[in-house]
N, C-alpha and C. Protein backbone atom coordinates (compact mmCIF):
# COMPACT_ATOMS: atom_id res chain seq x y z
N UNK A 1 132.04 139.95 116.54
CA UNK A 1 131.31 138.75 116.87
C UNK A 1 130.10 138.59 115.96
N UNK A 2 129.53 139.68 115.47
CA UNK A 2 128.37 139.61 114.60
C UNK A 2 128.70 138.91 113.29
N UNK A 3 129.92 139.09 112.81
CA UNK A 3 130.33 138.44 111.56
C UNK A 3 130.39 136.93 111.73
N UNK A 4 130.81 136.48 112.90
CA UNK A 4 130.92 135.04 113.15
C UNK A 4 129.55 134.39 113.24
N UNK A 5 128.57 135.10 113.77
CA UNK A 5 127.24 134.51 113.91
C UNK A 5 126.48 134.50 112.60
N UNK A 6 126.87 135.33 111.62
CA UNK A 6 126.18 135.36 110.34
C UNK A 6 126.62 134.21 109.42
N UNK A 7 127.69 133.52 109.76
CA UNK A 7 128.15 132.40 108.95
C UNK A 7 127.25 131.19 109.16
N UNK A 8 127.08 130.44 108.10
CA UNK A 8 126.28 129.24 108.20
C UNK A 8 127.09 128.13 108.86
N UNK A 9 126.46 127.36 109.70
CA UNK A 9 127.14 126.27 110.41
C UNK A 9 126.57 124.92 109.99
N UNK A 10 126.22 124.80 108.73
CA UNK A 10 125.66 123.54 108.25
C UNK A 10 126.76 122.51 108.03
N UNK A 11 126.37 121.25 108.09
CA UNK A 11 127.29 120.15 107.80
C UNK A 11 126.56 119.20 106.86
N UNK A 12 126.56 119.56 105.58
CA UNK A 12 125.81 118.81 104.58
C UNK A 12 126.61 117.67 103.96
N UNK A 13 126.00 117.00 103.00
CA UNK A 13 126.62 115.86 102.33
C UNK A 13 127.92 116.22 101.63
N UNK A 14 128.00 117.42 101.07
CA UNK A 14 129.20 117.82 100.33
C UNK A 14 130.41 117.96 101.24
N UNK A 15 130.18 118.06 102.54
CA UNK A 15 131.28 118.23 103.48
C UNK A 15 131.70 116.91 104.12
N UNK A 16 131.15 115.80 103.67
CA UNK A 16 131.46 114.50 104.27
C UNK A 16 132.33 113.67 103.36
N UNK A 17 133.27 112.98 103.95
CA UNK A 17 134.05 111.98 103.23
C UNK A 17 133.27 110.68 103.37
N UNK A 18 132.85 110.11 102.24
CA UNK A 18 131.99 108.94 102.30
C UNK A 18 132.59 107.70 101.65
N UNK A 19 133.51 107.89 100.72
CA UNK A 19 134.03 106.75 99.98
C UNK A 19 135.32 106.24 100.59
N UNK A 20 135.46 104.93 100.58
CA UNK A 20 136.63 104.28 101.16
C UNK A 20 137.93 104.75 100.56
N UNK A 21 137.93 105.01 99.25
CA UNK A 21 139.18 105.47 98.61
C UNK A 21 139.61 106.83 99.13
N UNK A 22 138.65 107.68 99.50
CA UNK A 22 139.00 108.99 100.05
C UNK A 22 139.60 108.85 101.45
N UNK A 23 139.02 107.94 102.26
CA UNK A 23 139.59 107.67 103.58
C UNK A 23 141.03 107.14 103.43
N UNK A 24 141.23 106.22 102.48
CA UNK A 24 142.56 105.65 102.26
C UNK A 24 143.55 106.70 101.78
N UNK A 25 143.12 107.58 100.91
CA UNK A 25 144.00 108.63 100.39
C UNK A 25 144.47 109.54 101.52
N UNK A 26 143.57 109.90 102.41
CA UNK A 26 143.95 110.76 103.54
C UNK A 26 144.96 110.03 104.42
N UNK A 27 144.71 108.76 104.66
CA UNK A 27 145.61 107.99 105.53
C UNK A 27 146.99 107.80 104.90
N UNK A 28 147.04 107.54 103.61
CA UNK A 28 148.32 107.27 102.94
C UNK A 28 149.09 108.53 102.60
N UNK A 29 148.42 109.57 102.13
CA UNK A 29 149.11 110.77 101.65
C UNK A 29 149.14 111.89 102.69
N UNK A 30 148.35 111.75 103.74
CA UNK A 30 148.23 112.85 104.69
C UNK A 30 149.14 112.71 105.89
N UNK A 31 148.84 113.51 106.88
CA UNK A 31 149.58 113.52 108.12
C UNK A 31 148.68 113.04 109.24
N UNK A 32 149.30 112.69 110.38
CA UNK A 32 148.56 112.09 111.49
C UNK A 32 149.03 112.69 112.80
N UNK A 33 148.08 112.87 113.72
CA UNK A 33 148.40 113.39 115.04
C UNK A 33 147.39 112.83 116.03
N UNK A 34 147.87 112.48 117.22
CA UNK A 34 147.02 111.93 118.28
C UNK A 34 146.93 112.95 119.41
N UNK A 35 145.71 113.17 119.88
CA UNK A 35 145.52 114.05 121.03
C UNK A 35 144.28 113.62 121.79
N UNK A 36 144.45 113.30 123.05
CA UNK A 36 143.32 112.97 123.91
C UNK A 36 142.50 111.80 123.40
N UNK A 37 141.22 112.05 123.18
CA UNK A 37 140.29 110.98 122.81
C UNK A 37 140.15 110.80 121.31
N UNK A 38 141.01 111.44 120.51
CA UNK A 38 140.87 111.27 119.07
C UNK A 38 142.20 111.28 118.35
N UNK A 39 142.15 110.72 117.15
CA UNK A 39 143.29 110.70 116.24
C UNK A 39 142.86 111.49 115.01
N UNK A 40 143.70 112.39 114.57
CA UNK A 40 143.38 113.20 113.39
C UNK A 40 144.31 112.85 112.25
N UNK A 41 143.73 112.52 111.11
CA UNK A 41 144.46 112.34 109.86
C UNK A 41 143.96 113.42 108.92
N UNK A 42 144.86 114.12 108.25
CA UNK A 42 144.42 115.17 107.34
C UNK A 42 145.34 115.24 106.13
N UNK A 43 144.76 115.76 105.07
CA UNK A 43 145.48 115.99 103.82
C UNK A 43 145.06 117.35 103.32
N UNK A 44 146.04 118.22 103.10
CA UNK A 44 145.73 119.57 102.63
C UNK A 44 145.25 119.51 101.19
N UNK A 45 144.31 120.40 100.87
CA UNK A 45 143.71 120.47 99.55
C UNK A 45 144.05 121.80 98.90
N UNK A 46 143.76 121.91 97.61
CA UNK A 46 143.98 123.19 96.94
C UNK A 46 142.91 124.18 97.40
N UNK A 47 143.17 125.45 97.18
CA UNK A 47 142.30 126.51 97.69
C UNK A 47 140.89 126.46 97.11
N UNK A 48 140.71 125.87 95.93
CA UNK A 48 139.38 125.84 95.31
C UNK A 48 138.53 124.65 95.76
N UNK A 49 139.09 123.74 96.57
CA UNK A 49 138.33 122.59 97.05
C UNK A 49 137.67 122.91 98.40
N UNK A 50 136.72 122.05 98.80
CA UNK A 50 135.98 122.27 100.03
C UNK A 50 136.54 121.45 101.18
N UNK A 51 136.38 121.98 102.36
CA UNK A 51 136.72 121.29 103.60
C UNK A 51 135.79 120.09 103.76
N UNK A 52 136.34 118.92 104.11
CA UNK A 52 135.51 117.72 104.29
C UNK A 52 135.94 116.98 105.54
N UNK A 53 134.99 116.23 106.11
CA UNK A 53 135.23 115.47 107.33
C UNK A 53 134.77 114.03 107.15
N UNK A 54 135.58 113.12 107.67
CA UNK A 54 135.19 111.72 107.79
C UNK A 54 135.39 111.29 109.23
N UNK A 55 134.51 110.45 109.72
CA UNK A 55 134.58 110.00 111.12
C UNK A 55 134.64 108.49 111.14
N UNK A 56 135.57 107.95 111.95
CA UNK A 56 135.71 106.51 112.12
C UNK A 56 135.59 106.20 113.61
N UNK A 57 134.69 105.27 113.94
CA UNK A 57 134.50 104.85 115.33
C UNK A 57 134.45 103.33 115.34
N UNK A 58 135.42 102.71 115.98
CA UNK A 58 135.47 101.24 116.00
C UNK A 58 134.65 100.67 117.14
N UNK A 59 134.51 99.37 117.14
CA UNK A 59 133.75 98.69 118.19
C UNK A 59 134.45 98.74 119.54
N UNK A 60 135.72 99.10 119.55
CA UNK A 60 136.44 99.23 120.82
C UNK A 60 135.86 100.35 121.68
N UNK A 61 135.18 101.30 121.03
CA UNK A 61 134.59 102.43 121.76
C UNK A 61 133.43 101.95 122.63
N UNK A 62 132.68 100.97 122.16
CA UNK A 62 131.55 100.47 122.94
C UNK A 62 130.45 99.94 122.05
N UNK A 63 129.26 99.84 122.61
CA UNK A 63 128.12 99.33 121.84
C UNK A 63 127.65 100.37 120.82
N UNK A 64 126.61 100.04 120.07
CA UNK A 64 126.13 100.91 119.00
C UNK A 64 125.73 102.29 119.51
N UNK A 65 125.16 102.36 120.68
CA UNK A 65 124.75 103.64 121.26
C UNK A 65 125.98 104.51 121.54
N UNK A 66 127.00 103.93 122.12
CA UNK A 66 128.23 104.68 122.44
C UNK A 66 128.93 105.13 121.16
N UNK A 67 128.96 104.27 120.14
CA UNK A 67 129.60 104.63 118.87
C UNK A 67 128.85 105.76 118.17
N UNK A 68 127.54 105.69 118.18
CA UNK A 68 126.73 106.75 117.56
C UNK A 68 126.92 108.08 118.29
N UNK A 69 126.98 108.02 119.59
CA UNK A 69 127.19 109.24 120.37
C UNK A 69 128.56 109.84 120.06
N UNK A 70 129.58 108.99 119.94
CA UNK A 70 130.92 109.47 119.61
C UNK A 70 130.92 110.14 118.23
N UNK A 71 130.25 109.55 117.27
CA UNK A 71 130.15 110.16 115.93
C UNK A 71 129.46 111.52 116.00
N UNK A 72 128.37 111.59 116.75
CA UNK A 72 127.65 112.86 116.88
C UNK A 72 128.51 113.93 117.54
N UNK A 73 129.24 113.56 118.58
CA UNK A 73 130.13 114.52 119.25
C UNK A 73 131.18 115.07 118.29
N UNK A 74 131.80 114.18 117.51
CA UNK A 74 132.86 114.62 116.60
C UNK A 74 132.29 115.48 115.47
N UNK A 75 131.16 115.10 114.91
CA UNK A 75 130.55 115.89 113.84
C UNK A 75 130.12 117.27 114.34
N UNK A 76 129.55 117.32 115.52
CA UNK A 76 129.10 118.60 116.07
C UNK A 76 130.30 119.51 116.35
N UNK A 77 131.35 118.96 116.87
CA UNK A 77 132.54 119.76 117.15
C UNK A 77 133.11 120.32 115.86
N UNK A 78 133.17 119.50 114.82
CA UNK A 78 133.65 119.97 113.52
C UNK A 78 132.72 121.05 112.97
N UNK A 79 131.43 120.83 113.06
CA UNK A 79 130.45 121.78 112.52
C UNK A 79 130.62 123.17 113.13
N UNK A 80 130.82 123.21 114.44
CA UNK A 80 130.96 124.48 115.14
C UNK A 80 132.26 125.20 114.75
N UNK A 81 133.31 124.44 114.49
CA UNK A 81 134.63 125.03 114.22
C UNK A 81 135.01 125.02 112.74
N UNK A 82 134.10 124.75 111.85
CA UNK A 82 134.43 124.62 110.44
C UNK A 82 134.99 125.90 109.82
N UNK A 83 134.63 127.05 110.35
CA UNK A 83 135.12 128.32 109.79
C UNK A 83 136.46 128.75 110.40
N UNK A 84 137.00 127.96 111.32
CA UNK A 84 138.27 128.30 111.96
C UNK A 84 139.48 127.73 111.22
N UNK A 85 139.25 126.92 110.19
CA UNK A 85 140.36 126.30 109.46
C UNK A 85 141.05 127.33 108.57
N UNK A 86 142.37 127.25 108.51
CA UNK A 86 143.15 128.19 107.71
C UNK A 86 143.03 127.88 106.22
N UNK A 87 142.94 126.61 105.87
CA UNK A 87 142.88 126.19 104.47
C UNK A 87 142.03 124.93 104.39
N UNK A 88 141.51 124.63 103.20
CA UNK A 88 140.69 123.42 103.07
C UNK A 88 141.53 122.15 103.25
N UNK A 89 140.97 121.20 103.97
CA UNK A 89 141.61 119.90 104.19
C UNK A 89 140.56 118.80 104.14
N UNK A 90 141.02 117.60 103.85
CA UNK A 90 140.23 116.41 104.11
C UNK A 90 140.67 115.95 105.48
N UNK A 91 139.75 115.89 106.43
CA UNK A 91 140.06 115.54 107.80
C UNK A 91 139.32 114.27 108.18
N UNK A 92 140.06 113.28 108.66
CA UNK A 92 139.45 112.05 109.16
C UNK A 92 139.74 111.98 110.65
N UNK A 93 138.68 111.94 111.44
CA UNK A 93 138.81 111.83 112.89
C UNK A 93 138.49 110.40 113.30
N UNK A 94 139.40 109.80 114.05
CA UNK A 94 139.21 108.45 114.56
C UNK A 94 139.02 108.56 116.06
N UNK A 95 137.88 108.06 116.54
CA UNK A 95 137.58 108.11 117.97
C UNK A 95 138.35 107.02 118.69
N UNK A 96 138.99 107.37 119.78
CA UNK A 96 139.67 106.39 120.62
C UNK A 96 138.70 105.92 121.70
N UNK A 97 138.94 104.76 122.29
CA UNK A 97 138.01 104.25 123.31
C UNK A 97 137.77 105.22 124.47
N UNK A 98 138.71 106.11 124.73
CA UNK A 98 138.56 107.05 125.84
C UNK A 98 137.47 108.10 125.59
N UNK A 99 136.91 108.16 124.38
CA UNK A 99 135.85 109.13 124.10
C UNK A 99 134.55 108.75 124.79
N UNK A 100 134.38 107.47 125.11
CA UNK A 100 133.16 107.01 125.77
C UNK A 100 132.99 107.72 127.11
N UNK A 101 131.85 108.33 127.29
CA UNK A 101 131.56 109.01 128.55
C UNK A 101 132.02 110.45 128.63
N UNK A 102 132.71 110.94 127.61
CA UNK A 102 133.17 112.33 127.64
C UNK A 102 132.04 113.27 127.26
N UNK A 103 132.12 114.48 127.76
CA UNK A 103 131.14 115.51 127.44
C UNK A 103 131.60 116.27 126.20
N UNK A 104 130.68 117.03 125.61
CA UNK A 104 130.97 117.80 124.40
C UNK A 104 132.16 118.74 124.61
N UNK A 105 132.23 119.42 125.72
CA UNK A 105 133.31 120.38 125.98
C UNK A 105 134.68 119.70 126.01
N UNK A 106 134.74 118.50 126.56
CA UNK A 106 136.02 117.78 126.62
C UNK A 106 136.47 117.35 125.22
N UNK A 107 135.54 116.87 124.42
CA UNK A 107 135.85 116.47 123.05
C UNK A 107 136.27 117.69 122.24
N UNK A 108 135.56 118.78 122.42
CA UNK A 108 135.88 120.01 121.71
C UNK A 108 137.27 120.52 122.08
N UNK A 109 137.63 120.42 123.33
CA UNK A 109 138.96 120.84 123.78
C UNK A 109 140.05 119.99 123.11
N UNK A 110 139.85 118.67 123.07
CA UNK A 110 140.82 117.79 122.40
C UNK A 110 140.91 118.10 120.91
N UNK A 111 139.77 118.39 120.28
CA UNK A 111 139.72 118.70 118.85
C UNK A 111 140.49 119.97 118.54
N UNK A 112 140.22 121.04 119.29
CA UNK A 112 140.88 122.32 119.05
C UNK A 112 142.38 122.21 119.32
N UNK A 113 142.76 121.49 120.37
CA UNK A 113 144.18 121.29 120.67
C UNK A 113 144.88 120.54 119.54
N UNK A 114 144.22 119.52 119.01
CA UNK A 114 144.79 118.77 117.89
C UNK A 114 144.99 119.67 116.68
N UNK A 115 143.99 120.49 116.37
CA UNK A 115 144.11 121.39 115.21
C UNK A 115 145.20 122.43 115.41
N UNK A 116 145.35 122.91 116.65
CA UNK A 116 146.43 123.88 116.91
C UNK A 116 147.80 123.24 116.72
N UNK A 117 147.97 122.01 117.26
CA UNK A 117 149.25 121.31 117.10
C UNK A 117 149.56 121.05 115.63
N UNK A 118 148.52 120.77 114.86
CA UNK A 118 148.69 120.48 113.44
C UNK A 118 148.82 121.75 112.60
N UNK A 119 148.61 122.91 113.23
CA UNK A 119 148.69 124.20 112.55
C UNK A 119 147.65 124.30 111.43
N UNK A 120 146.46 123.82 111.71
CA UNK A 120 145.37 123.87 110.74
C UNK A 120 144.40 125.01 111.01
N UNK A 121 144.54 125.68 112.14
CA UNK A 121 143.63 126.77 112.50
C UNK A 121 144.15 128.11 112.02
N UNK A 122 143.21 129.00 111.69
CA UNK A 122 143.57 130.38 111.40
C UNK A 122 144.06 131.05 112.67
N UNK A 123 144.74 132.16 112.53
CA UNK A 123 145.16 132.92 113.71
C UNK A 123 143.90 133.38 114.45
N UNK A 124 143.87 133.10 115.74
CA UNK A 124 142.71 133.47 116.55
C UNK A 124 141.55 132.51 116.42
N UNK A 125 141.73 131.39 115.70
CA UNK A 125 140.67 130.41 115.55
C UNK A 125 140.54 129.53 116.77
N UNK A 126 139.40 128.92 116.93
CA UNK A 126 139.16 128.05 118.09
C UNK A 126 138.75 128.88 119.29
N UNK A 127 138.89 128.29 120.45
CA UNK A 127 138.51 128.98 121.69
C UNK A 127 139.67 129.72 122.28
């Protein structure tokens, strides 16, 4: 357990998907899976590239406050589990309207379940 706590859990700019063409590439060339309150689109990368995350939250989720909260929940869940991935991927998480009102633990459970179904986690990764 000491080794896991010594890892950095930062989520900096280099780990974010920011450009529209990168979002499109993940959607067109990657795979997709739906679980609970989120949709996961991912594209596997070569071993020398970095893991990246993009988050999409539409107006169907709710007002600006609800959308911002959904983004924060998804980013925090990714940040905590970033070292559990088996290989680097570009991951785009799309929040579904059911995310409104959910707690962090519920979102985290849906996230880990999605990654397990997609076989993106290392052995023993997640909760």
